[in-house]
Amino acid sequence: GTVRIDFAAREVTVRGKSVSLTPLEFRLLAVLTEHAGQVLSRSQLIDLVWGQNYSSTGDPVKIYIGYVRKKIEEDPSSPELIETVRGFGYRYRKAS
C-alpha cells in the first residue's frame, strides 16, 4: 500500500519515498499499523508506545500523532491514513 514498514531495518517508505521517523514516531506508527482497522484509545497507545509507567501532564499521543501525520499523510490537515475517532482514539485505516 501507501506505507511500507521494514521492521527489521526500522525503515518507513511512503508512496515510494523514504521517510525519516524518530524512534518514538516509528513505535507509534508500528503500533497503529499492527492494529490496523482497530480504534486504539489514548491510554492504550500510551501503554503500547510509551509504557505503562509513563506519566505526563501533557498529551503526547495527540502531539506525536500530529508529527507522524506530517510525515506520512499527503495532506496532514485532512488525514486519510491515521483517523481520529472522536471520543475514542485513533485508527490506522486498512488499505482498501
C-alpha atoms as a PDB file:
ATOM      1  CA  GLY A   1       0.000   0.000   0.000  1.00  0.00           C
ATOM      2  CA  THR A   2       0.867   3.597   0.574  1.00  0.00           C
ATOM      3  CA  VAL A   3       3.024   2.972   3.654  1.00  0.00           C
ATOM      4  CA  ARG A   4       5.645   0.228   3.837  1.00  0.00           C
ATOM      5  CA  ILE A   5       7.423  -0.567   7.080  1.00  0.00           C
ATOM      6  CA  ASP A   6      10.571  -2.671   7.268  1.00  0.00           C
ATOM      7  CA  PHE A   7      10.562  -3.610  10.950  1.00  0.00           C
ATOM      8  CA  ALA A   8      13.987  -5.295  10.851  1.00  0.00           C
ATOM      9  CA  ALA A   9      15.675  -2.262   9.264  1.00  0.00           C
ATOM     10  CA  ARG A  10      13.371   0.208  11.047  1.00  0.00           C
ATOM     11  CA  GLU A  11      12.684   1.985   7.750  1.00  0.00           C
ATOM     12  CA  VAL A  12       9.471   3.562   6.504  1.00  0.00           C
ATOM     13  CA  THR A  13       8.606   4.266   2.888  1.00  0.00           C
ATOM     14  CA  VAL A  14       5.578   6.385   1.956  1.00  0.00           C
ATOM     15  CA  ARG A  15       4.445   6.445  -1.669  1.00  0.00           C
ATOM     16  CA  GLY A  16       7.866   5.143  -2.702  1.00  0.00           C
ATOM     17  CA  LYS A  17       9.853   7.752  -0.753  1.00  0.00           C
ATOM     18  CA  SER A  18      11.896   7.077   2.358  1.00  0.00           C
ATOM     19  CA  VAL A  19      10.602   8.877   5.459  1.00  0.00           C
ATOM     20  CA  SER A  20      12.741   9.637   8.499  1.00  0.00           C
ATOM     21  CA  LEU A  21      10.962   8.957  11.804  1.00  0.00           C
ATOM     22  CA  THR A  22      12.281   9.306  15.339  1.00  0.00           C
ATOM     23  CA  PRO A  23      12.307   6.059  17.362  1.00  0.00           C
ATOM     24  CA  LEU A  24       9.139   7.155  19.187  1.00  0.00           C
ATOM     25  CA  GLU A  25       7.350   8.101  15.957  1.00  0.00           C
ATOM     26  CA  PHE A  26       8.351   4.728  14.497  1.00  0.00           C
ATOM     27  CA  ARG A  27       6.950   2.862  17.529  1.00  0.00           C
ATOM     28  CA  LEU A  28       3.685   4.821  17.319  1.00  0.00           C
ATOM     29  CA  LEU A  29       3.275   4.101  13.597  1.00  0.00           C
ATOM     30  CA  ALA A  30       4.211   0.445  14.136  1.00  0.00           C
ATOM     31  CA  VAL A  31       1.585   0.031  16.881  1.00  0.00           C
ATOM     32  CA  LEU A  32      -1.080   1.715  14.768  1.00  0.00           C
ATOM     33  CA  THR A  33      -0.342  -0.429  11.707  1.00  0.00           C
ATOM     34  CA  GLU A  34      -0.130  -3.631  13.754  1.00  0.00           C
ATOM     35  CA  HIS A  35      -3.681  -2.853  14.938  1.00  0.00           C
ATOM     36  CA  ALA A  36      -4.906  -1.547  11.557  1.00  0.00           C
ATOM     37  CA  GLY A  37      -8.661  -1.048  11.470  1.00  0.00           C
ATOM     38  CA  GLN A  38      -8.917  -1.113  15.276  1.00  0.00           C
ATOM     39  CA  VAL A  39      -9.582   2.044  17.298  1.00  0.00           C
ATOM     40  CA  LEU A  40      -6.922   2.497  19.966  1.00  0.00           C
ATOM     41  CA  SER A  41      -7.624   4.800  22.884  1.00  0.00           C
ATOM     42  CA  ARG A  42      -5.147   7.346  24.184  1.00  0.00           C
ATOM     43  CA  SER A  43      -4.441   5.149  27.226  1.00  0.00           C
ATOM     44  CA  GLN A  44      -3.903   2.050  25.047  1.00  0.00           C
ATOM     45  CA  LEU A  45      -1.447   3.973  22.874  1.00  0.00           C
ATOM     46  CA  ILE A  46       0.407   5.303  25.922  1.00  0.00           C
ATOM     47  CA  ASP A  47       0.723   1.753  27.305  1.00  0.00           C
ATOM     48  CA  LEU A  48       1.815   0.273  23.962  1.00  0.00           C
ATOM     49  CA  VAL A  49       4.162   3.060  22.837  1.00  0.00           C
ATOM     50  CA  TRP A  50       5.438   4.835  25.958  1.00  0.00           C
ATOM     51  CA  GLY A  51       4.966   2.051  28.521  1.00  0.00           C
ATOM     52  CA  GLN A  52       2.657   1.513  31.470  1.00  0.00           C
ATOM     53  CA  ASN A  53       4.845   3.519  33.844  1.00  0.00           C
ATOM     54  CA  TYR A  54       4.683   6.680  31.707  1.00  0.00           C
ATOM     55  CA  SER A  55       3.223   9.751  33.356  1.00  0.00           C
ATOM     56  CA  SER A  56       2.884  13.235  31.935  1.00  0.00           C
ATOM     57  CA  THR A  57       0.684  16.261  32.316  1.00  0.00           C
ATOM     58  CA  GLY A  58       0.512  16.831  28.548  1.00  0.00           C
ATOM     59  CA  ASP A  59      -0.990  14.752  25.761  1.00  0.00           C
ATOM     60  CA  PRO A  60       1.925  13.073  23.969  1.00  0.00           C
ATOM     61  CA  VAL A  61      -0.420  10.952  21.843  1.00  0.00           C
ATOM     62  CA  LYS A  62      -2.026  13.953  20.169  1.00  0.00           C
ATOM     63  CA  ILE A  63       1.354  15.638  19.688  1.00  0.00           C
ATOM     64  CA  TYR A  64       3.046  12.570  18.183  1.00  0.00           C
ATOM     65  CA  ILE A  65       0.050  11.670  16.010  1.00  0.00           C
ATOM     66  CA  GLY A  66       0.493  15.171  14.545  1.00  0.00           C
ATOM     67  CA  TYR A  67       4.216  14.595  13.949  1.00  0.00           C
ATOM     68  CA  VAL A  68       3.599  11.268  12.202  1.00  0.00           C
ATOM     69  CA  ARG A  69       0.756  12.687  10.106  1.00  0.00           C
ATOM     70  CA  LYS A  70       3.032  15.494   8.868  1.00  0.00           C
ATOM     71  CA  LYS A  71       5.488  12.865   7.644  1.00  0.00           C
ATOM     72  CA  ILE A  72       3.168  10.254   6.091  1.00  0.00           C
ATOM     73  CA  GLU A  73      -0.047  11.997   5.041  1.00  0.00           C
ATOM     74  CA  GLU A  74      -0.395  13.758   1.680  1.00  0.00           C
ATOM     75  CA  ASP A  75      -2.474  16.421   3.452  1.00  0.00           C
ATOM     76  CA  PRO A  76      -1.958  16.294   7.243  1.00  0.00           C
ATOM     77  CA  SER A  77      -4.901  18.658   7.792  1.00  0.00           C
ATOM     78  CA  SER A  78      -7.186  16.095   6.142  1.00  0.00           C
ATOM     79  CA  PRO A  79      -5.633  12.747   7.130  1.00  0.00           C
ATOM     80  CA  GLU A  80      -6.514   9.607   5.206  1.00  0.00           C
ATOM     81  CA  LEU A  81      -4.245   7.090   6.932  1.00  0.00           C
ATOM     82  CA  ILE A  82      -4.469   7.909  10.643  1.00  0.00           C
ATOM     83  CA  GLU A  83      -8.070   8.660  11.506  1.00  0.00           C
ATOM     84  CA  THR A  84      -9.243  10.454  14.644  1.00  0.00           C
ATOM     85  CA  VAL A  85     -12.290   8.705  16.097  1.00  0.00           C
ATOM     86  CA  ARG A  86     -13.808  11.438  18.252  1.00  0.00           C
ATOM     87  CA  GLY A  87     -14.313  10.468  21.853  1.00  0.00           C
ATOM     88  CA  PHE A  88     -12.480   7.144  21.393  1.00  0.00           C
ATOM     89  CA  GLY A  89      -8.973   7.471  19.952  1.00  0.00           C
ATOM     90  CA  TYR A  90      -7.161   6.806  16.705  1.00  0.00           C
ATOM     91  CA  ARG A  91      -7.322   4.203  13.960  1.00  0.00           C
ATOM     92  CA  TYR A  92      -4.924   3.351  11.142  1.00  0.00           C
ATOM     93  CA  ARG A  93      -7.104   2.731   8.116  1.00  0.00           C
ATOM     94  CA  LYS A  94      -6.551  -0.555   6.369  1.00  0.00           C
ATOM     95  CA  ALA A  95      -5.751  -0.299   2.689  1.00  0.00           C
ATOM     96  CA  SER A  96      -8.846  -0.891   0.575  1.00  0.00           C
END
